[in-house]
C-alpha cells in the first residue's frame, strides 16, 4: 500500500530527477491556478530559473511533445506517472 502514493513532494521530485537524468520523459498531472486539471504526457525537468520570492515553489519542466518550457507551482502537483501525491498529515 505504501507504493500507491507519494507521501511527500521530495519523493516525487526525486523520481522526476531520476527519469530526467536517464533521458526518459514522465507524465505530470497538476491543478492550474484557474482550478482546472492539466496533464502533460511527456515532460522532463529543466534548471530552475528566476530568483523571485516564489521561485522555490515552482517546478520548471519542458513539455517534450511541444518543446515548450513550462512551470507549475509545486503544491499544485497531483501525480507523477499516474502515481498520486497524498501528503501525510
N, C-alpha and C. Protein backbone atom coordinates (compact mmCIF):
# COMPACT_ATOMS: atom_id res chain seq x y z
N UNK A 1 0.82 -1.20 0.00
CA UNK A 1 0.00 0.00 0.00
C UNK A 1 0.86 1.26 0.00
N UNK A 2 2.05 1.22 0.58
CA UNK A 2 2.88 2.41 0.67
C UNK A 2 3.40 2.86 -0.69
N UNK A 3 3.38 1.98 -1.70
CA UNK A 3 3.87 2.34 -3.03
C UNK A 3 2.78 2.90 -3.93
N UNK A 4 1.55 3.00 -3.43
CA UNK A 4 0.46 3.52 -4.24
C UNK A 4 0.52 5.03 -4.40
N UNK A 5 1.11 5.71 -3.44
CA UNK A 5 1.14 7.16 -3.41
C UNK A 5 2.53 7.66 -3.04
N UNK A 6 2.82 8.90 -3.47
CA UNK A 6 3.95 9.62 -2.90
C UNK A 6 3.42 10.29 -1.64
N UNK A 7 4.16 10.20 -0.55
CA UNK A 7 3.71 10.80 0.70
C UNK A 7 4.35 12.14 0.97
N UNK A 8 5.19 12.60 0.03
CA UNK A 8 5.77 13.93 0.12
C UNK A 8 6.24 14.34 -1.27
N UNK A 9 6.48 15.63 -1.43
CA UNK A 9 6.91 16.14 -2.73
C UNK A 9 8.34 15.75 -3.05
N UNK A 10 9.16 15.59 -2.03
CA UNK A 10 10.56 15.25 -2.24
C UNK A 10 10.70 13.92 -3.00
N UNK A 11 9.92 12.91 -2.62
CA UNK A 11 9.99 11.62 -3.32
C UNK A 11 9.54 11.76 -4.78
N UNK A 12 8.51 12.54 -5.02
CA UNK A 12 8.03 12.76 -6.38
C UNK A 12 9.09 13.48 -7.21
N UNK A 13 9.72 14.49 -6.63
CA UNK A 13 10.77 15.23 -7.34
C UNK A 13 11.96 14.33 -7.61
N UNK A 14 12.34 13.50 -6.66
CA UNK A 14 13.45 12.58 -6.87
C UNK A 14 13.16 11.62 -8.02
N UNK A 15 11.93 11.14 -8.13
CA UNK A 15 11.55 10.27 -9.24
C UNK A 15 11.69 11.02 -10.56
N UNK A 16 11.22 12.26 -10.61
CA UNK A 16 11.33 13.05 -11.83
C UNK A 16 12.79 13.30 -12.19
N UNK A 17 13.62 13.55 -11.20
CA UNK A 17 15.06 13.76 -11.46
C UNK A 17 15.71 12.50 -12.02
N UNK A 18 15.33 11.34 -11.49
CA UNK A 18 15.89 10.08 -12.00
C UNK A 18 15.50 9.86 -13.46
N UNK A 19 14.24 10.08 -13.79
CA UNK A 19 13.79 9.94 -15.17
C UNK A 19 14.50 10.93 -16.08
N UNK A 20 14.61 12.18 -15.62
CA UNK A 20 15.27 13.21 -16.41
C UNK A 20 16.73 12.86 -16.65
N UNK A 21 17.43 12.38 -15.62
CA UNK A 21 18.84 12.00 -15.76
C UNK A 21 19.02 10.88 -16.77
N UNK A 22 18.04 9.98 -16.84
CA UNK A 22 18.09 8.86 -17.78
C UNK A 22 17.57 9.25 -19.16
N UNK A 23 17.07 10.49 -19.31
CA UNK A 23 16.53 10.93 -20.60
C UNK A 23 15.16 10.36 -20.92
N UNK A 24 14.44 9.95 -19.88
CA UNK A 24 13.12 9.33 -20.06
C UNK A 24 12.04 10.32 -19.64
N UNK A 25 11.14 10.69 -20.55
CA UNK A 25 10.05 11.60 -20.18
C UNK A 25 9.07 10.92 -19.21
N UNK A 26 8.40 11.72 -18.43
CA UNK A 26 7.39 11.24 -17.48
C UNK A 26 6.14 12.09 -17.63
N UNK A 27 5.04 11.61 -17.08
CA UNK A 27 3.80 12.38 -17.15
C UNK A 27 3.58 13.14 -15.84
N UNK A 28 2.91 14.28 -15.96
CA UNK A 28 2.58 15.12 -14.82
C UNK A 28 1.08 15.42 -14.83
N UNK A 29 0.49 15.43 -13.68
CA UNK A 29 -0.89 15.89 -13.53
C UNK A 29 -0.86 16.95 -12.44
N UNK A 30 -1.45 18.10 -12.72
CA UNK A 30 -1.45 19.19 -11.74
C UNK A 30 -2.67 20.07 -11.93
N UNK A 31 -2.95 20.85 -10.91
CA UNK A 31 -4.07 21.79 -10.97
C UNK A 31 -3.52 23.13 -11.43
N UNK A 32 -4.19 23.73 -12.38
CA UNK A 32 -3.83 25.07 -12.83
C UNK A 32 -4.35 26.09 -11.83
N UNK A 33 -3.82 27.29 -11.89
CA UNK A 33 -4.30 28.34 -10.99
C UNK A 33 -5.77 28.66 -11.22
N UNK A 34 -6.27 28.36 -12.42
CA UNK A 34 -7.69 28.60 -12.74
C UNK A 34 -8.60 27.56 -12.08
N UNK A 35 -8.00 26.47 -11.56
CA UNK A 35 -8.78 25.41 -10.93
C UNK A 35 -8.99 24.20 -11.82
N UNK A 36 -8.64 24.31 -13.09
CA UNK A 36 -8.77 23.16 -13.99
C UNK A 36 -7.57 22.22 -13.82
N UNK A 37 -7.75 20.98 -14.24
CA UNK A 37 -6.70 19.97 -14.13
C UNK A 37 -5.96 19.90 -15.47
N UNK A 38 -4.63 19.86 -15.39
CA UNK A 38 -3.80 19.76 -16.59
C UNK A 38 -3.00 18.47 -16.53
N UNK A 39 -2.75 17.88 -17.69
CA UNK A 39 -1.93 16.68 -17.78
C UNK A 39 -0.92 16.89 -18.90
N UNK A 40 0.33 16.63 -18.60
CA UNK A 40 1.40 16.67 -19.58
C UNK A 40 1.88 15.24 -19.73
N UNK A 41 1.76 14.71 -20.93
CA UNK A 41 2.11 13.30 -21.16
C UNK A 41 3.60 13.03 -21.15
N UNK A 42 4.39 13.97 -21.66
CA UNK A 42 5.84 13.77 -21.75
C UNK A 42 6.55 15.04 -21.30
N UNK A 43 7.18 14.95 -20.14
CA UNK A 43 7.90 16.09 -19.57
C UNK A 43 9.27 15.65 -19.07
N UNK A 44 10.20 16.59 -19.05
CA UNK A 44 11.47 16.39 -18.37
C UNK A 44 11.75 17.67 -17.59
N UNK A 45 12.48 17.54 -16.49
CA UNK A 45 12.79 18.70 -15.69
C UNK A 45 13.84 19.56 -16.38
N UNK A 46 13.83 20.84 -16.05
CA UNK A 46 14.89 21.73 -16.51
C UNK A 46 15.35 22.55 -15.32
N UNK A 47 16.45 23.24 -15.50
CA UNK A 47 17.03 24.02 -14.41
C UNK A 47 16.06 25.08 -13.93
N UNK A 48 16.12 25.37 -12.64
CA UNK A 48 15.30 26.43 -12.08
C UNK A 48 15.71 27.75 -12.69
N UNK A 49 14.74 28.57 -12.97
CA UNK A 49 15.04 29.90 -13.49
C UNK A 49 14.39 30.92 -12.57
N UNK A 50 15.02 32.02 -12.45
CA UNK A 50 14.47 33.09 -11.63
C UNK A 50 14.86 32.96 -10.17
N UNK A 51 14.84 34.06 -9.52
CA UNK A 51 15.18 34.09 -8.10
C UNK A 51 14.11 34.83 -7.31
N UNK A 52 12.95 34.94 -7.89
CA UNK A 52 11.85 35.65 -7.23
C UNK A 52 11.42 34.96 -5.95
N UNK A 53 10.56 35.61 -5.23
CA UNK A 53 10.11 35.12 -3.94
C UNK A 53 9.42 33.76 -4.05
N UNK A 54 8.78 33.48 -5.16
CA UNK A 54 8.06 32.21 -5.34
C UNK A 54 8.85 31.18 -6.14
N UNK A 55 10.08 31.49 -6.53
CA UNK A 55 10.85 30.59 -7.39
C UNK A 55 11.05 29.22 -6.76
N UNK A 56 11.22 29.16 -5.46
CA UNK A 56 11.46 27.86 -4.82
C UNK A 56 10.22 26.98 -4.78
N UNK A 57 9.06 27.55 -5.09
CA UNK A 57 7.82 26.78 -5.10
C UNK A 57 7.40 26.37 -6.51
N UNK A 58 8.22 26.71 -7.50
CA UNK A 58 7.89 26.41 -8.89
C UNK A 58 8.75 25.26 -9.40
N UNK A 59 8.13 24.41 -10.17
CA UNK A 59 8.81 23.29 -10.81
C UNK A 59 8.93 23.64 -12.29
N UNK A 60 10.15 23.66 -12.80
CA UNK A 60 10.41 24.01 -14.19
C UNK A 60 10.52 22.72 -15.01
N UNK A 61 9.80 22.64 -16.13
CA UNK A 61 9.86 21.45 -16.96
C UNK A 61 9.74 21.82 -18.43
N UNK A 62 10.10 20.88 -19.28
CA UNK A 62 9.90 21.02 -20.71
C UNK A 62 8.88 19.98 -21.15
N UNK A 63 7.85 20.42 -21.85
CA UNK A 63 6.90 19.51 -22.45
C UNK A 63 7.56 19.01 -23.73
N UNK A 64 8.03 17.76 -23.73
CA UNK A 64 8.80 17.25 -24.87
C UNK A 64 7.92 16.98 -26.09
N UNK A 65 6.62 16.95 -25.92
CA UNK A 65 5.72 16.79 -27.08
C UNK A 65 5.65 18.07 -27.90
N UNK A 66 5.75 19.23 -27.22
CA UNK A 66 5.61 20.52 -27.90
C UNK A 66 6.89 21.35 -27.84
N UNK A 67 7.89 20.88 -27.09
CA UNK A 67 9.14 21.61 -26.85
C UNK A 67 8.93 22.96 -26.18
N UNK A 68 7.85 23.08 -25.40
CA UNK A 68 7.58 24.31 -24.66
C UNK A 68 8.20 24.24 -23.28
N UNK A 69 8.80 25.37 -22.86
CA UNK A 69 9.26 25.50 -21.48
C UNK A 69 8.07 25.94 -20.65
N UNK A 70 7.80 25.20 -19.58
CA UNK A 70 6.63 25.49 -18.73
C UNK A 70 7.04 25.39 -17.27
N UNK A 71 6.15 25.79 -16.41
CA UNK A 71 6.38 25.64 -14.98
C UNK A 71 5.04 25.46 -14.28
N UNK A 72 5.11 24.96 -13.07
CA UNK A 72 3.91 24.81 -12.26
C UNK A 72 4.29 25.04 -10.80
N UNK A 73 3.32 25.41 -10.01
CA UNK A 73 3.57 25.56 -8.58
C UNK A 73 3.57 24.18 -7.94
N UNK A 74 4.63 23.87 -7.24
CA UNK A 74 4.82 22.55 -6.66
C UNK A 74 3.63 22.11 -5.80
N UNK A 75 3.03 22.97 -4.98
CA UNK A 75 1.88 22.50 -4.19
C UNK A 75 0.67 22.08 -5.01
N UNK A 76 0.66 22.42 -6.31
CA UNK A 76 -0.45 22.05 -7.17
C UNK A 76 -0.20 20.75 -7.93
N UNK A 77 0.99 20.17 -7.75
CA UNK A 77 1.31 18.89 -8.39
C UNK A 77 0.46 17.79 -7.76
N UNK A 78 -0.21 17.01 -8.60
CA UNK A 78 -1.12 15.98 -8.10
C UNK A 78 -0.61 14.56 -8.34
N UNK A 79 0.16 14.33 -9.43
CA UNK A 79 0.62 12.98 -9.73
C UNK A 79 1.80 13.02 -10.70
N UNK A 80 2.65 12.02 -10.58
CA UNK A 80 3.77 11.80 -11.50
C UNK A 80 3.65 10.37 -12.00
N UNK A 81 3.58 10.22 -13.31
CA UNK A 81 3.36 8.89 -13.92
C UNK A 81 2.16 8.18 -13.30
N UNK A 82 1.11 8.91 -13.09
CA UNK A 82 -0.16 8.41 -12.54
C UNK A 82 -0.07 7.95 -11.09
N UNK A 83 1.06 8.15 -10.44
CA UNK A 83 1.19 7.85 -9.02
C UNK A 83 0.87 9.14 -8.27
N UNK A 84 -0.25 9.13 -7.55
CA UNK A 84 -0.76 10.33 -6.90
C UNK A 84 0.09 10.74 -5.70
N UNK A 85 0.00 12.02 -5.39
CA UNK A 85 0.67 12.56 -4.21
C UNK A 85 -0.39 12.75 -3.13
N UNK A 86 -0.20 12.06 -2.04
CA UNK A 86 -1.12 12.17 -0.91
C UNK A 86 -0.26 12.43 0.33
N UNK A 87 -0.24 13.67 0.76
CA UNK A 87 0.63 14.06 1.87
C UNK A 87 0.11 13.49 3.17
N UNK A 88 1.07 13.05 4.00
CA UNK A 88 0.70 12.57 5.33
C UNK A 88 0.38 13.77 6.21
N UNK A 89 -0.59 13.61 7.07
CA UNK A 89 -0.97 14.71 7.97
C UNK A 89 -0.36 14.52 9.32
